[in-house]
Structure formats: C-alpha cells, structure tokens
C-alpha cells in the first residue's frame, strides 16, 4: 500500500521560510513551490522580509550573553532568592532560535507572565477586533485622534510600554483614534485609520516578550493581516485589502517603531 502524502500546509511554508525544514519534507515543499508560482512569489517575499529584519537586528544577536544571565549567575540567584524567583527571572529570557546562532535578546527586568503569544495568535486576535469595530459608524474608536496625546499616554500606561501612533499619511491613511482591548490577562491597543475613500485599517498592539521577528501573513476571508513580535510588542496590521497593498503599510509601521527605539 502506498504511503498517503500529507498536503503542503501553511505550517510547512512557514517552516520553509524560517529555514527549519529538512529532509524529504523540504524537497516536497520545493516541488510544490515550483508548481505554484503565486505561492512561490509570496514565500520569496516573506523570506526577503525575514532576512531584512534579521540584518537590522543582527547587532543584538551578536552581543555576548550578559553576566547576569549566565548559568553561574542564575545558580547564585537560585541560592539567594529561591526557586520561585529564579523561575520568574527565567521567564523574562527569550532565545532567538530561528537560525540566529544562539544570540540573546533582553528588554530589561520583567514580571512573571504567561507564555508569549505567537504572531499567528496575535493575527487572529487582531482580525477579530478589526471585524468587531471596523463596521461601527457612531463609535468606531473609544478616544478620537483629536485627543491623540491623551490616547497614547493612556494606552502606553495600560500596556506598560511607551506607544506612539505611526504616521501612515504617506500610505494614504489618517489616524481616527483608538481603544483599549482585553488580550487574555494583559491589555492590547487598537489604533484605527481610514483613507480618503473611507476604507479602514487597524493597528493592534499587545505587550509581548517573544523574539519572533519574521512577518507572518494571515488571510481570514476578505480580511488580511500582517503580524510580528519585536521590542516587547506584538503587532498586527489588518485591513480588507490585497496582501500587496497591505504589505507597505506593515513595513511602514515596523520602520517607525524601529526608528523610535520603542
């Protein structure tokens, strides 16, 4: 009896993009991409984005492991503070393991927290929030852009990190305002933008201690989302727009947060 071949799925494509696919399955994915030029073009673009992000973050990956994070330091902390506090410290560490060569990223002390969300989970939450509020006529946002300073101070306080609204006017979008959202046991922010034709776009931001820097794309019906995790935030840009039209907006958001050193 011949072995049943498992269809190529999104997990296989993402593993291929991240360089985590080896052996026969990698060969099957390569054959699939050779027969699917549209999918191959998308995968090639995602790999280009991943390489660009890795290049920008490489100086962080090359830094030596801080003394406070070495095994000897952790053992000393365990003896002096007890097992419970050691686990809390370890929960604040994140190893970039998608081919980064064992580098470390650290964003300072952090309180114990639940498992870091993955980009695709953030994409799902962002899409659900987009669908809930993008159709609102009278109350699409909780605080309007006319009170932008107040809005950003409030959201920054609730997320526990400084947050600024990206300027998307070069992409044809203006800020409408934003609102606070629940995200499990933490808070999330949603900023809403619209263009001259009234088309709406949202930026979803959640505090996250992951190290995933590759863009992840999700398509749920007509709604498209780019999501990623970087600098203590999980980001997701969502709109009812083609992937190629949404990508420049996501790149603009990424560049502005990177330049601000958020």
C-alpha atoms as a PDB file:
ATOM      1  CA  UNK A   1       0.000   0.000   0.000  1.00  0.00           C
ATOM      2  CA  UNK A   2       1.460   3.366  -0.996  1.00  0.00           C
ATOM      3  CA  UNK A   3       2.034   5.924   1.736  1.00  0.00           C
ATOM      4  CA  UNK A   4      -0.525   8.763   1.818  1.00  0.00           C
ATOM      5  CA  UNK A   5       1.113  12.119   1.128  1.00  0.00           C
ATOM      6  CA  UNK A   6       0.249  14.897   3.537  1.00  0.00           C
ATOM      7  CA  UNK A   7      -0.769  18.083   1.675  1.00  0.00           C
ATOM      8  CA  UNK A   8       1.544  21.072   1.943  1.00  0.00           C
ATOM      9  CA  UNK A   9       0.089  23.475   4.502  1.00  0.00           C
ATOM     10  CA  UNK A  10       0.842  26.929   5.903  1.00  0.00           C
ATOM     11  CA  UNK A  11       2.933  25.406   8.717  1.00  0.00           C
ATOM     12  CA  UNK A  12       5.184  23.765   6.121  1.00  0.00           C
ATOM     13  CA  UNK A  13       5.574  27.058   4.247  1.00  0.00           C
ATOM     14  CA  UNK A  14       6.415  28.972   7.419  1.00  0.00           C
ATOM     15  CA  UNK A  15       8.944  26.317   8.460  1.00  0.00           C
ATOM     16  CA  UNK A  16      10.480  26.554   4.987  1.00  0.00           C
ATOM     17  CA  UNK A  17      10.677  30.367   5.287  1.00  0.00           C
ATOM     18  CA  UNK A  18      12.343  30.059   8.710  1.00  0.00           C
ATOM     19  CA  UNK A  19      14.869  27.501   7.439  1.00  0.00           C
ATOM     20  CA  UNK A  20      13.576  24.859   9.832  1.00  0.00           C
ATOM     21  CA  UNK A  21      12.515  22.296   7.232  1.00  0.00           C
ATOM     22  CA  UNK A  22      14.896  19.493   6.261  1.00  0.00           C
ATOM     23  CA  UNK A  23      14.889  16.140   4.539  1.00  0.00           C
ATOM     24  CA  UNK A  24      12.113  14.785   2.333  1.00  0.00           C
ATOM     25  CA  UNK A  25       9.547  17.332   3.506  1.00  0.00           C
ATOM     26  CA  UNK A  26      11.737  20.207   2.323  1.00  0.00           C
ATOM     27  CA  UNK A  27      12.030  18.548  -1.077  1.00  0.00           C
ATOM     28  CA  UNK A  28       8.242  18.179  -1.215  1.00  0.00           C
ATOM     29  CA  UNK A  29       7.760  21.857  -0.381  1.00  0.00           C
ATOM     30  CA  UNK A  30      10.285  22.887  -3.039  1.00  0.00           C
ATOM     31  CA  UNK A  31       8.457  20.762  -5.613  1.00  0.00           C
ATOM     32  CA  UNK A  32       5.140  22.286  -4.527  1.00  0.00           C
ATOM     33  CA  UNK A  33       6.509  25.828  -4.891  1.00  0.00           C
ATOM     34  CA  UNK A  34       7.901  25.018  -8.322  1.00  0.00           C
ATOM     35  CA  UNK A  35       4.384  24.090  -9.405  1.00  0.00           C
ATOM     36  CA  UNK A  36       2.706  27.074  -7.669  1.00  0.00           C
ATOM     37  CA  UNK A  37       4.360  30.307  -8.884  1.00  0.00           C
ATOM     38  CA  UNK A  38       1.991  32.607  -6.966  1.00  0.00           C
ATOM     39  CA  UNK A  39       2.696  30.842  -3.675  1.00  0.00           C
ATOM     40  CA  UNK A  40       6.407  30.742  -4.513  1.00  0.00           C
ATOM     41  CA  UNK A  41       6.406  34.514  -5.036  1.00  0.00           C
ATOM     42  CA  UNK A  42       4.746  35.047  -1.648  1.00  0.00           C
ATOM     43  CA  UNK A  43       7.231  32.741   0.076  1.00  0.00           C
ATOM     44  CA  UNK A  44      10.147  34.517  -1.606  1.00  0.00           C
ATOM     45  CA  UNK A  45       8.850  37.892  -0.386  1.00  0.00           C
ATOM     46  CA  UNK A  46       8.417  36.578   3.157  1.00  0.00           C
ATOM     47  CA  UNK A  47      11.973  35.236   3.118  1.00  0.00           C
ATOM     48  CA  UNK A  48      13.215  38.628   1.895  1.00  0.00           C
ATOM     49  CA  UNK A  49      11.400  40.374   4.752  1.00  0.00           C
ATOM     50  CA  UNK A  50      12.790  37.918   7.285  1.00  0.00           C
ATOM     51  CA  UNK A  51      16.339  38.458   6.011  1.00  0.00           C
ATOM     52  CA  UNK A  52      15.892  42.242   6.166  1.00  0.00           C
ATOM     53  CA  UNK A  53      14.644  42.110   9.748  1.00  0.00           C
ATOM     54  CA  UNK A  54      17.435  39.751  10.784  1.00  0.00           C
ATOM     55  CA  UNK A  55      20.005  42.093   9.247  1.00  0.00           C
ATOM     56  CA  UNK A  56      18.659  45.055  11.221  1.00  0.00           C
ATOM     57  CA  UNK A  57      18.628  43.112  14.480  1.00  0.00           C
ATOM     58  CA  UNK A  58      21.930  41.282  13.973  1.00  0.00           C
ATOM     59  CA  UNK A  59      23.923  43.590  16.303  1.00  0.00           C
ATOM     60  CA  UNK A  60      21.663  42.484  19.160  1.00  0.00           C
ATOM     61  CA  UNK A  61      22.129  38.821  18.277  1.00  0.00           C
ATOM     62  CA  UNK A  62      25.927  39.230  18.266  1.00  0.00           C
ATOM     63  CA  UNK A  63      26.087  40.665  21.769  1.00  0.00           C
ATOM     64  CA  UNK A  64      27.563  38.305  24.390  1.00  0.00           C
ATOM     65  CA  UNK A  65      25.260  36.800  26.985  1.00  0.00           C
ATOM     66  CA  UNK A  66      25.095  39.284  29.907  1.00  0.00           C
ATOM     67  CA  UNK A  67      26.815  38.127  33.073  1.00  0.00           C
ATOM     68  CA  UNK A  68      23.522  38.207  34.977  1.00  0.00           C
ATOM     69  CA  UNK A  69      22.087  35.662  32.530  1.00  0.00           C
ATOM     70  CA  UNK A  70      24.937  33.158  32.627  1.00  0.00           C
ATOM     71  CA  UNK A  71      24.453  29.791  34.294  1.00  0.00           C
ATOM     72  CA  UNK A  72      26.669  30.719  37.235  1.00  0.00           C
ATOM     73  CA  UNK A  73      24.660  33.888  37.816  1.00  0.00           C
ATOM     74  CA  UNK A  74      21.368  32.049  37.655  1.00  0.00           C
ATOM     75  CA  UNK A  75      22.614  29.445  40.115  1.00  0.00           C
ATOM     76  CA  UNK A  76      23.663  32.196  42.516  1.00  0.00           C
ATOM     77  CA  UNK A  77      20.251  33.799  42.155  1.00  0.00           C
ATOM     78  CA  UNK A  78      18.642  30.460  42.867  1.00  0.00           C
ATOM     79  CA  UNK A  79      20.612  30.083  46.081  1.00  0.00           C
ATOM     80  CA  UNK A  80      19.953  33.631  47.248  1.00  0.00           C
ATOM     81  CA  UNK A  81      16.394  34.210  46.184  1.00  0.00           C
ATOM     82  CA  UNK A  82      14.898  30.755  45.981  1.00  0.00           C
ATOM     83  CA  UNK A  83      13.469  28.667  43.213  1.00  0.00           C
ATOM     84  CA  UNK A  84      10.310  30.731  42.713  1.00  0.00           C
ATOM     85  CA  UNK A  85      12.191  33.947  41.938  1.00  0.00           C
ATOM     86  CA  UNK A  86      14.605  32.119  39.667  1.00  0.00           C
ATOM     87  CA  UNK A  87      11.697  30.862  37.595  1.00  0.00           C
ATOM     88  CA  UNK A  88      10.360  34.400  37.361  1.00  0.00           C
ATOM     89  CA  UNK A  89      13.728  35.622  36.078  1.00  0.00           C
ATOM     90  CA  UNK A  90      13.982  32.787  33.603  1.00  0.00           C
ATOM     91  CA  UNK A  91      10.531  33.628  32.265  1.00  0.00           C
ATOM     92  CA  UNK A  92      11.866  37.034  31.221  1.00  0.00           C
ATOM     93  CA  UNK A  93      14.545  35.491  28.970  1.00  0.00           C
ATOM     94  CA  UNK A  94      13.999  34.791  25.291  1.00  0.00           C
ATOM     95  CA  UNK A  95      16.378  32.932  22.981  1.00  0.00           C
ATOM     96  CA  UNK A  96      16.114  33.705  19.298  1.00  0.00           C
ATOM     97  CA  UNK A  97      16.245  30.157  17.921  1.00  0.00           C
ATOM     98  CA  UNK A  98      15.146  30.503  14.303  1.00  0.00           C
ATOM     99  CA  UNK A  99      18.655  30.224  12.885  1.00  0.00           C
ATOM    100  CA  UNK A 100      20.111  33.192  14.766  1.00  0.00           C
ATOM    101  CA  UNK A 101      23.107  31.285  16.091  1.00  0.00           C
ATOM    102  CA  UNK A 102      22.180  31.308  19.761  1.00  0.00           C
ATOM    103  CA  UNK A 103      22.095  35.106  20.271  1.00  0.00           C
ATOM    104  CA  UNK A 104      20.165  36.713  23.114  1.00  0.00           C
ATOM    105  CA  UNK A 105      17.588  39.488  23.198  1.00  0.00           C
ATOM    106  CA  UNK A 106      16.793  41.152  26.516  1.00  0.00           C
ATOM    107  CA  UNK A 107      14.401  44.002  27.202  1.00  0.00           C
ATOM    108  CA  UNK A 108      15.158  44.557  30.880  1.00  0.00           C
ATOM    109  CA  UNK A 109      13.534  43.136  34.027  1.00  0.00           C
ATOM    110  CA  UNK A 110      10.019  41.815  33.626  1.00  0.00           C
ATOM    111  CA  UNK A 111       7.365  40.445  35.904  1.00  0.00           C
ATOM    112  CA  UNK A 112       6.300  36.805  35.643  1.00  0.00           C
ATOM    113  CA  UNK A 113       3.843  36.289  32.801  1.00  0.00           C
ATOM    114  CA  UNK A 114       2.042  33.715  30.757  1.00  0.00           C
ATOM    115  CA  UNK A 115       3.565  32.093  27.686  1.00  0.00           C
ATOM    116  CA  UNK A 116       4.473  34.608  24.982  1.00  0.00           C
ATOM    117  CA  UNK A 117       1.891  34.797  22.195  1.00  0.00           C
ATOM    118  CA  UNK A 118       2.854  33.712  18.705  1.00  0.00           C
ATOM    119  CA  UNK A 119       2.450  36.049  15.710  1.00  0.00           C
ATOM    120  CA  UNK A 120      -0.360  33.944  14.241  1.00  0.00           C
ATOM    121  CA  UNK A 121      -2.254  34.094  17.551  1.00  0.00           C
ATOM    122  CA  UNK A 122      -1.839  37.868  17.556  1.00  0.00           C
ATOM    123  CA  UNK A 123      -3.031  37.955  13.928  1.00  0.00           C
ATOM    124  CA  UNK A 124      -6.185  36.076  14.936  1.00  0.00           C
ATOM    125  CA  UNK A 125      -6.949  38.406  17.862  1.00  0.00           C
ATOM    126  CA  UNK A 126      -6.294  41.454  15.683  1.00  0.00           C
ATOM    127  CA  UNK A 127      -8.628  40.190  12.962  1.00  0.00           C
ATOM    128  CA  UNK A 128     -11.418  39.522  15.446  1.00  0.00           C
ATOM    129  CA  UNK A 129     -11.045  43.023  16.908  1.00  0.00           C
ATOM    130  CA  UNK A 130     -10.954  44.524  13.408  1.00  0.00           C
ATOM    131  CA  UNK A 131     -14.200  42.791  12.449  1.00  0.00           C
ATOM    132  CA  UNK A 132     -15.871  43.935  15.653  1.00  0.00           C
ATOM    133  CA  UNK A 133     -15.115  47.652  15.419  1.00  0.00           C
ATOM    134  CA  UNK A 134     -14.438  48.456  11.756  1.00  0.00           C
ATOM    135  CA  UNK A 135     -18.165  48.329  10.986  1.00  0.00           C
ATOM    136  CA  UNK A 136     -19.069  50.835  13.729  1.00  0.00           C
ATOM    137  CA  UNK A 137     -20.433  54.141  12.475  1.00  0.00           C
ATOM    138  CA  UNK A 138     -21.034  56.181  15.632  1.00  0.00           C
ATOM    139  CA  UNK A 139     -18.317  54.657  17.868  1.00  0.00           C
ATOM    140  CA  UNK A 140     -15.517  53.134  15.781  1.00  0.00           C
ATOM    141  CA  UNK A 141     -12.954  54.300  18.383  1.00  0.00           C
ATOM    142  CA  UNK A 142     -13.038  54.975  22.115  1.00  0.00           C
ATOM    143  CA  UNK A 143     -10.819  58.088  22.009  1.00  0.00           C
ATOM    144  CA  UNK A 144     -10.616  60.119  18.816  1.00  0.00           C
ATOM    145  CA  UNK A 145      -7.477  61.427  17.116  1.00  0.00           C
ATOM    146  CA  UNK A 146      -8.255  64.984  18.292  1.00  0.00           C
ATOM    147  CA  UNK A 147      -7.120  63.751  21.734  1.00  0.00           C
ATOM    148  CA  UNK A 148      -4.125  61.830  20.414  1.00  0.00           C
ATOM    149  CA  UNK A 149      -1.727  62.837  23.212  1.00  0.00           C
ATOM    150  CA  UNK A 150      -4.192  61.675  25.873  1.00  0.00           C
ATOM    151  CA  UNK A 151      -4.932  58.492  23.904  1.00  0.00           C
ATOM    152  CA  UNK A 152      -1.281  57.479  23.592  1.00  0.00           C
ATOM    153  CA  UNK A 153      -0.477  58.243  27.240  1.00  0.00           C
ATOM    154  CA  UNK A 154      -3.457  56.141  28.337  1.00  0.00           C
ATOM    155  CA  UNK A 155      -2.635  53.198  26.087  1.00  0.00           C
ATOM    156  CA  UNK A 156       1.057  53.349  26.997  1.00  0.00           C
ATOM    157  CA  UNK A 157       0.187  53.216  30.687  1.00  0.00           C
ATOM    158  CA  UNK A 158      -2.147  50.267  30.261  1.00  0.00           C
ATOM    159  CA  UNK A 159       0.274  48.310  28.032  1.00  0.00           C
ATOM    160  CA  UNK A 160       3.233  49.109  30.289  1.00  0.00           C
ATOM    161  CA  UNK A 161       5.349  50.358  27.380  1.00  0.00           C
ATOM    162  CA  UNK A 162       5.672  53.645  25.554  1.00  0.00           C
ATOM    163  CA  UNK A 163       3.484  53.626  22.471  1.00  0.00           C
ATOM    164  CA  UNK A 164       3.268  56.160  19.640  1.00  0.00           C
ATOM    165  CA  UNK A 165       0.806  56.234  16.763  1.00  0.00           C
ATOM    166  CA  UNK A 166       2.610  55.652  13.451  1.00  0.00           C
ATOM    167  CA  UNK A 167       2.173  58.297  10.752  1.00  0.00           C
ATOM    168  CA  UNK A 168       0.607  56.477   7.809  1.00  0.00           C
ATOM    169  CA  UNK A 169      -0.234  59.562   5.757  1.00  0.00           C
ATOM    170  CA  UNK A 170       2.385  58.608   3.092  1.00  0.00           C
ATOM    171  CA  UNK A 171       0.389  55.387   2.652  1.00  0.00           C
ATOM    172  CA  UNK A 172      -2.860  57.362   2.386  1.00  0.00           C
ATOM    173  CA  UNK A 173      -4.236  56.698   5.879  1.00  0.00           C
ATOM    174  CA  UNK A 174      -5.055  59.125   8.693  1.00  0.00           C
ATOM    175  CA  UNK A 175      -5.489  58.269  12.370  1.00  0.00           C
ATOM    176  CA  UNK A 176      -9.121  58.107  13.511  1.00  0.00           C
ATOM    177  CA  UNK A 177      -8.356  57.235  17.146  1.00  0.00           C
ATOM    178  CA  UNK A 178      -8.038  54.121  19.248  1.00  0.00           C
ATOM    179  CA  UNK A 179      -9.320  51.970  22.078  1.00  0.00           C
ATOM    180  CA  UNK A 180      -8.183  49.565  24.792  1.00  0.00           C
ATOM    181  CA  UNK A 181      -8.852  45.847  24.317  1.00  0.00           C
ATOM    182  CA  UNK A 182      -8.505  42.759  26.526  1.00  0.00           C
ATOM    183  CA  UNK A 183      -5.889  40.215  25.481  1.00  0.00           C
ATOM    184  CA  UNK A 184      -6.103  37.293  27.876  1.00  0.00           C
ATOM    185  CA  UNK A 185      -4.618  38.502  31.164  1.00  0.00           C
ATOM    186  CA  UNK A 186      -2.947  41.546  29.587  1.00  0.00           C
ATOM    187  CA  UNK A 187      -4.130  44.609  27.676  1.00  0.00           C
ATOM    188  CA  UNK A 188      -3.950  45.402  23.982  1.00  0.00           C
ATOM    189  CA  UNK A 189      -4.457  48.580  21.978  1.00  0.00           C
ATOM    190  CA  UNK A 190      -6.221  49.101  18.688  1.00  0.00           C
ATOM    191  CA  UNK A 191      -5.487  52.170  16.576  1.00  0.00           C
ATOM    192  CA  UNK A 192      -7.839  52.746  13.658  1.00  0.00           C
ATOM    193  CA  UNK A 193      -7.017  54.592  10.440  1.00  0.00           C
ATOM    194  CA  UNK A 194      -9.019  55.406   7.338  1.00  0.00           C
ATOM    195  CA  UNK A 195      -8.256  56.681   3.839  1.00  0.00           C
ATOM    196  CA  UNK A 196      -9.981  59.261   1.639  1.00  0.00           C
ATOM    197  CA  UNK A 197     -12.419  56.637   0.380  1.00  0.00           C
ATOM    198  CA  UNK A 198     -13.430  55.622   3.906  1.00  0.00           C
ATOM    199  CA  UNK A 199     -11.560  52.296   3.891  1.00  0.00           C
ATOM    200  CA  UNK A 200     -10.443  51.409   7.403  1.00  0.00           C
ATOM    201  CA  UNK A 201      -7.279  49.803   8.687  1.00  0.00           C
ATOM    202  CA  UNK A 202      -6.302  48.849  12.244  1.00  0.00           C
ATOM    203  CA  UNK A 203      -3.030  48.503  14.083  1.00  0.00           C
ATOM    204  CA  UNK A 204      -3.279  46.039  17.000  1.00  0.00           C
ATOM    205  CA  UNK A 205      -0.555  46.251  19.641  1.00  0.00           C
ATOM    206  CA  UNK A 206      -0.052  43.894  22.573  1.00  0.00           C
ATOM    207  CA  UNK A 207       2.727  43.671  25.126  1.00  0.00           C
ATOM    208  CA  UNK A 208       4.716  40.508  24.333  1.00  0.00           C
ATOM    209  CA  UNK A 209       8.080  39.094  25.366  1.00  0.00           C
ATOM    210  CA  UNK A 210       8.689  36.935  22.296  1.00  0.00           C
ATOM    211  CA  UNK A 211      11.642  37.084  19.900  1.00  0.00           C
ATOM    212  CA  UNK A 212       9.821  36.367  16.632  1.00  0.00           C
ATOM    213  CA  UNK A 213      10.919  38.980  14.090  1.00  0.00           C
ATOM    214  CA  UNK A 214       9.606  37.485  10.862  1.00  0.00           C
ATOM    215  CA  UNK A 215       6.393  38.823   9.381  1.00  0.00           C
ATOM    216  CA  UNK A 216       3.502  36.379   9.411  1.00  0.00           C
ATOM    217  CA  UNK A 217       0.626  36.824   6.969  1.00  0.00           C
ATOM    218  CA  UNK A 218      -2.906  35.595   7.680  1.00  0.00           C
ATOM    219  CA  UNK A 219      -5.920  35.707   5.393  1.00  0.00           C
ATOM    220  CA  UNK A 220      -9.321  35.225   7.024  1.00  0.00           C
ATOM    221  CA  UNK A 221     -11.982  35.628   4.369  1.00  0.00           C
ATOM    222  CA  UNK A 222     -11.563  39.106   2.896  1.00  0.00           C
ATOM    223  CA  UNK A 223      -9.532  40.344   5.879  1.00  0.00           C
ATOM    224  CA  UNK A 224      -5.737  40.343   5.583  1.00  0.00           C
ATOM    225  CA  UNK A 225      -3.289  40.699   8.482  1.00  0.00           C
ATOM    226  CA  UNK A 226       0.476  41.052   8.834  1.00  0.00           C
ATOM    227  CA  UNK A 227       1.709  40.222  12.352  1.00  0.00           C
ATOM    228  CA  UNK A 228       5.091  40.131  14.073  1.00  0.00           C
ATOM    229  CA  UNK A 229       6.713  40.431  17.531  1.00  0.00           C
ATOM    230  CA  UNK A 230       9.558  42.840  18.259  1.00  0.00           C
ATOM    231  CA  UNK A 231      10.892  45.121  21.004  1.00  0.00           C
ATOM    232  CA  UNK A 232       8.432  43.943  23.631  1.00  0.00           C
ATOM    233  CA  UNK A 233       5.371  44.357  21.430  1.00  0.00           C
ATOM    234  CA  UNK A 234       3.214  42.106  19.320  1.00  0.00           C
ATOM    235  CA  UNK A 235       1.993  43.990  16.253  1.00  0.00           C
ATOM    236  CA  UNK A 236      -0.711  43.278  13.700  1.00  0.00           C
ATOM    237  CA  UNK A 237      -1.883  45.420  10.769  1.00  0.00           C
ATOM    238  CA  UNK A 238      -5.304  44.397   9.443  1.00  0.00           C
ATOM    239  CA  UNK A 239      -7.423  45.637   6.549  1.00  0.00           C
ATOM    240  CA  UNK A 240      -9.846  44.416   3.936  1.00  0.00           C
ATOM    241  CA  UNK A 241      -7.187  44.870   1.270  1.00  0.00           C
ATOM    242  CA  UNK A 242      -4.964  42.762  -1.006  1.00  0.00           C
ATOM    243  CA  UNK A 243      -1.795  41.409   0.525  1.00  0.00           C
ATOM    244  CA  UNK A 244       0.422  43.513  -1.746  1.00  0.00           C
ATOM    245  CA  UNK A 245      -1.441  46.688  -0.746  1.00  0.00           C
ATOM    246  CA  UNK A 246      -1.190  45.926   2.981  1.00  0.00           C
ATOM    247  CA  UNK A 247       2.495  44.982   2.994  1.00  0.00           C
ATOM    248  CA  UNK A 248       3.852  48.562   2.530  1.00  0.00           C
ATOM    249  CA  UNK A 249       1.711  49.712   5.462  1.00  0.00           C
ATOM    250  CA  UNK A 250       3.078  46.945   7.705  1.00  0.00           C
ATOM    251  CA  UNK A 251       6.622  47.812   6.642  1.00  0.00           C
ATOM    252  CA  UNK A 252       5.999  51.499   7.428  1.00  0.00           C
ATOM    253  CA  UNK A 253       4.727  50.613  10.904  1.00  0.00           C
ATOM    254  CA  UNK A 254       7.748  48.400  11.520  1.00  0.00           C
ATOM    255  CA  UNK A 255      10.223  51.056  10.337  1.00  0.00           C
ATOM    256  CA  UNK A 256       8.693  53.784  12.517  1.00  0.00           C
ATOM    257  CA  UNK A 257       8.732  51.700  15.691  1.00  0.00           C
ATOM    258  CA  UNK A 258      12.290  50.607  14.892  1.00  0.00           C
ATOM    259  CA  UNK A 259      13.419  54.214  14.350  1.00  0.00           C
ATOM    260  CA  UNK A 260      11.729  55.327  17.578  1.00  0.00           C
ATOM    261  CA  UNK A 261      13.512  52.608  19.531  1.00  0.00           C
ATOM    262  CA  UNK A 262      10.247  51.621  21.174  1.00  0.00           C
END
